[in-house]
C-alpha atoms as a PDB file:
ATOM      1  CA  MET A   1     -38.592  72.118 -68.222  1.00  0.00           C
ATOM      2  CA  MET A   2     -38.756  69.581 -71.102  1.00  0.00           C
ATOM      3  CA  ASN A   3     -37.197  66.806 -69.024  1.00  0.00           C
ATOM      4  CA  LYS A   4     -40.247  66.451 -66.770  1.00  0.00           C
ATOM      5  CA  ILE A   5     -42.308  63.300 -66.713  1.00  0.00           C
ATOM      6  CA  ILE A   6     -46.019  63.782 -66.033  1.00  0.00           C
ATOM      7  CA  LEU A   7     -48.011  60.726 -64.995  1.00  0.00           C
ATOM      8  CA  LEU A   8     -51.730  60.288 -65.400  1.00  0.00           C
ATOM      9  CA  ILE A   9     -52.768  57.336 -63.278  1.00  0.00           C
ATOM     10  CA  LEU A  10     -55.871  55.316 -64.109  1.00  0.00           C
ATOM     11  CA  LEU A  11     -57.389  52.697 -61.853  1.00  0.00           C
ATOM     12  CA  LEU A  12     -55.970  49.265 -62.509  1.00  0.00           C
ATOM     13  CA  THR A  13     -58.547  46.645 -63.284  1.00  0.00           C
ATOM     14  CA  LEU A  14     -58.372  43.095 -62.046  1.00  0.00           C
ATOM     15  CA  THR A  15     -57.833  40.880 -65.064  1.00  0.00           C
ATOM     16  CA  VAL A  16     -58.015  37.418 -63.684  1.00  0.00           C
ATOM     17  CA  SER A  17     -60.180  35.480 -66.087  1.00  0.00           C
ATOM     18  CA  SER A  18     -60.165  32.153 -64.272  1.00  0.00           C
ATOM     19  CA  TYR A  19     -61.184  33.764 -60.989  1.00  0.00           C
ATOM     20  CA  ALA A  20     -63.337  36.600 -62.302  1.00  0.00           C
ATOM     21  CA  HIS A  21     -66.510  34.963 -61.052  1.00  0.00           C
ATOM     22  CA  SER A  22     -65.131  34.615 -57.511  1.00  0.00           C
ATOM     23  CA  VAL A  23     -63.366  37.966 -57.034  1.00  0.00           C
ATOM     24  CA  LYS A  24     -64.592  39.579 -53.845  1.00  0.00           C
ATOM     25  CA  GLU A  25     -66.911  42.494 -54.290  1.00  0.00           C
ATOM     26  CA  GLY A  26     -64.894  45.633 -53.762  1.00  0.00           C
ATOM     27  CA  ALA A  27     -61.667  44.100 -55.071  1.00  0.00           C
ATOM     28  CA  LYS A  28     -59.520  46.872 -56.468  1.00  0.00           C
ATOM     29  CA  ALA A  29     -55.980  47.166 -57.759  1.00  0.00           C
ATOM     30  CA  TYR A  30     -54.430  50.590 -58.035  1.00  0.00           C
ATOM     31  CA  ILE A  31     -51.212  52.566 -58.192  1.00  0.00           C
ATOM     32  CA  GLN A  32     -50.481  53.886 -54.713  1.00  0.00           C
ATOM     33  CA  SER A  33     -47.647  56.123 -55.833  1.00  0.00           C
ATOM     34  CA  PRO A  34     -46.902  58.300 -57.572  1.00  0.00           C
ATOM     35  CA  LYS A  35     -50.243  60.074 -57.394  1.00  0.00           C
ATOM     36  CA  ASN A  36     -52.303  61.023 -60.424  1.00  0.00           C
ATOM     37  CA  GLY A  37     -50.887  64.078 -62.185  1.00  0.00           C
ATOM     38  CA  ALA A  38     -47.499  63.732 -60.494  1.00  0.00           C
ATOM     39  CA  ILE A  39     -44.483  65.348 -62.100  1.00  0.00           C
ATOM     40  CA  VAL A  40     -41.535  63.046 -61.508  1.00  0.00           C
ATOM     41  CA  SER A  41     -38.001  62.364 -62.664  1.00  0.00           C
ATOM     42  CA  ASN A  42     -36.104  59.149 -63.344  1.00  0.00           C
ATOM     43  CA  PRO A  43     -36.048  56.621 -62.007  1.00  0.00           C
ATOM     44  CA  VAL A  44     -39.820  56.644 -61.510  1.00  0.00           C
ATOM     45  CA  MET A  45     -40.812  54.459 -58.561  1.00  0.00           C
ATOM     46  CA  ILE A  46     -44.215  52.824 -59.020  1.00  0.00           C
ATOM     47  CA  LYS A  47     -45.855  51.297 -55.936  1.00  0.00           C
ATOM     48  CA  PHE A  48     -48.835  49.024 -56.544  1.00  0.00           C
ATOM     49  CA  ALA A  49     -51.618  48.355 -54.041  1.00  0.00           C
ATOM     50  CA  ILE A  50     -54.618  46.056 -53.863  1.00  0.00           C
ATOM     51  CA  LYS A  51     -57.739  45.569 -51.751  1.00  0.00           C
ATOM     52  CA  ASN A  52     -59.728  42.368 -51.267  1.00  0.00           C
ATOM     53  CA  PHE A  53     -57.456  40.262 -53.443  1.00  0.00           C
ATOM     54  CA  LEU A  54     -54.012  38.635 -53.178  1.00  0.00           C
ATOM     55  CA  ILE A  55     -50.777  38.971 -55.126  1.00  0.00           C
ATOM     56  CA  ALA A  56     -48.776  35.849 -55.974  1.00  0.00           C
ATOM     57  CA  PRO A  57     -46.246  34.864 -58.614  1.00  0.00           C
ATOM     58  CA  ALA A  58     -47.649  33.664 -61.935  1.00  0.00           C
ATOM     59  CA  GLY A  59     -48.105  29.938 -62.051  1.00  0.00           C
ATOM     60  CA  GLU A  60     -48.911  29.603 -58.381  1.00  0.00           C
ATOM     61  CA  ASN A  61     -52.484  28.427 -58.284  1.00  0.00           C
ATOM     62  CA  ILE A  62     -53.666  30.419 -55.276  1.00  0.00           C
ATOM     63  CA  HIS A  63     -57.375  31.143 -55.020  1.00  0.00           C
ATOM     64  CA  LYS A  64     -58.196  34.835 -55.501  1.00  0.00           C
ATOM     65  CA  ALA A  65     -54.608  35.763 -56.329  1.00  0.00           C
ATOM     66  CA  GLY A  66     -52.923  37.243 -59.374  1.00  0.00           C
ATOM     67  CA  HIS A  67     -50.064  39.537 -60.348  1.00  0.00           C
ATOM     68  CA  TYR A  68     -49.791  43.084 -61.626  1.00  0.00           C
ATOM     69  CA  HIS A  69     -49.559  44.296 -65.195  1.00  0.00           C
ATOM     70  CA  LEU A  70     -48.692  47.908 -65.887  1.00  0.00           C
ATOM     71  CA  LEU A  71     -50.055  49.371 -69.098  1.00  0.00           C
ATOM     72  CA  ILE A  72     -48.225  52.447 -70.353  1.00  0.00           C
ATOM     73  CA  ASN A  73     -50.101  54.657 -72.834  1.00  0.00           C
ATOM     74  CA  VAL A  74     -52.459  51.793 -73.707  1.00  0.00           C
ATOM     75  CA  ASP A  75     -55.996  52.950 -74.446  1.00  0.00           C
ATOM     76  CA  GLU A  76     -57.671  49.770 -75.626  1.00  0.00           C
ATOM     77  CA  PRO A  77     -59.474  47.619 -73.056  1.00  0.00           C
ATOM     78  CA  ILE A  78     -57.956  44.354 -71.902  1.00  0.00           C
ATOM     79  CA  ASP A  79     -59.621  41.175 -73.142  1.00  0.00           C
ATOM     80  CA  VAL A  80     -59.294  38.696 -70.262  1.00  0.00           C
ATOM     81  CA  ASP A  81     -59.450  35.805 -72.735  1.00  0.00           C
ATOM     82  CA  VAL A  82     -56.328  36.947 -74.615  1.00  0.00           C
ATOM     83  CA  ALA A  83     -52.783  36.974 -73.240  1.00  0.00           C
ATOM     84  CA  ILE A  84     -51.452  40.437 -72.478  1.00  0.00           C
ATOM     85  CA  PRO A  85     -48.502  41.159 -74.783  1.00  0.00           C
ATOM     86  CA  ARG A  86     -44.989  41.613 -73.385  1.00  0.00           C
ATOM     87  CA  ASP A  87     -43.554  44.839 -74.741  1.00  0.00           C
ATOM     88  CA  LYS A  88     -42.549  48.336 -73.638  1.00  0.00           C
ATOM     89  CA  ASN A  89     -46.206  49.290 -73.144  1.00  0.00           C
ATOM     90  CA  HIS A  90     -47.370  46.090 -71.406  1.00  0.00           C
ATOM     91  CA  LEU A  91     -45.186  45.279 -68.403  1.00  0.00           C
ATOM     92  CA  HIS A  92     -45.664  42.045 -66.463  1.00  0.00           C
ATOM     93  CA  PHE A  93     -44.814  41.668 -62.798  1.00  0.00           C
ATOM     94  CA  ASP A  94     -45.306  37.933 -62.741  1.00  0.00           C
ATOM     95  CA  LYS A  95     -42.939  37.288 -59.840  1.00  0.00           C
ATOM     96  CA  GLY A  96     -45.463  38.984 -57.566  1.00  0.00           C
ATOM     97  CA  GLU A  97     -43.586  42.300 -57.447  1.00  0.00           C
ATOM     98  CA  LEU A  98     -45.281  45.069 -55.488  1.00  0.00           C
ATOM     99  CA  SER A  99     -43.275  47.924 -56.987  1.00  0.00           C
ATOM    100  CA  ALA A 100     -41.177  48.838 -59.996  1.00  0.00           C
ATOM    101  CA  LYS A 101     -38.528  51.368 -61.027  1.00  0.00           C
ATOM    102  CA  LEU A 102     -38.987  52.746 -64.531  1.00  0.00           C
ATOM    103  CA  ASN A 103     -36.846  54.992 -66.670  1.00  0.00           C
ATOM    104  CA  LEU A 104     -39.107  56.999 -68.946  1.00  0.00           C
ATOM    105  CA  SER A 105     -38.252  59.575 -71.559  1.00  0.00           C
ATOM    106  CA  PRO A 106     -39.517  63.086 -70.806  1.00  0.00           C
ATOM    107  CA  GLY A 107     -43.188  63.456 -71.663  1.00  0.00           C
ATOM    108  CA  THR A 108     -46.696  62.725 -70.454  1.00  0.00           C
ATOM    109  CA  TYR A 109     -47.687  59.128 -69.712  1.00  0.00           C
ATOM    110  CA  THR A 110     -50.901  57.362 -68.841  1.00  0.00           C
ATOM    111  CA  LEU A 111     -50.369  54.418 -66.515  1.00  0.00           C
ATOM    112  CA  ARG A 112     -52.998  51.857 -65.680  1.00  0.00           C
END
């Protein structure tokens, strides 16, 4: 029973400072799977999804495009004017990845 991983999924927010003024209304990034409250085991497969925006590798200057960041147990808001750290709680998918496999220790996690 103690080896379960419980995921609380929060809506991803688009953090694209240079394009924030031109993001389409209704643009939304989210975690498609697993679903909120899911009890999973390793490896945990995360599938990202997006509406009214594009995904592209970092460094490619494509209008209305960005890449995913996954925040694990991070409560503070993201400041779009400050670089997101690279650590075990701030994962970057700057190659334009649409999914990720994670190995998490048993426990409860908030992903956003």
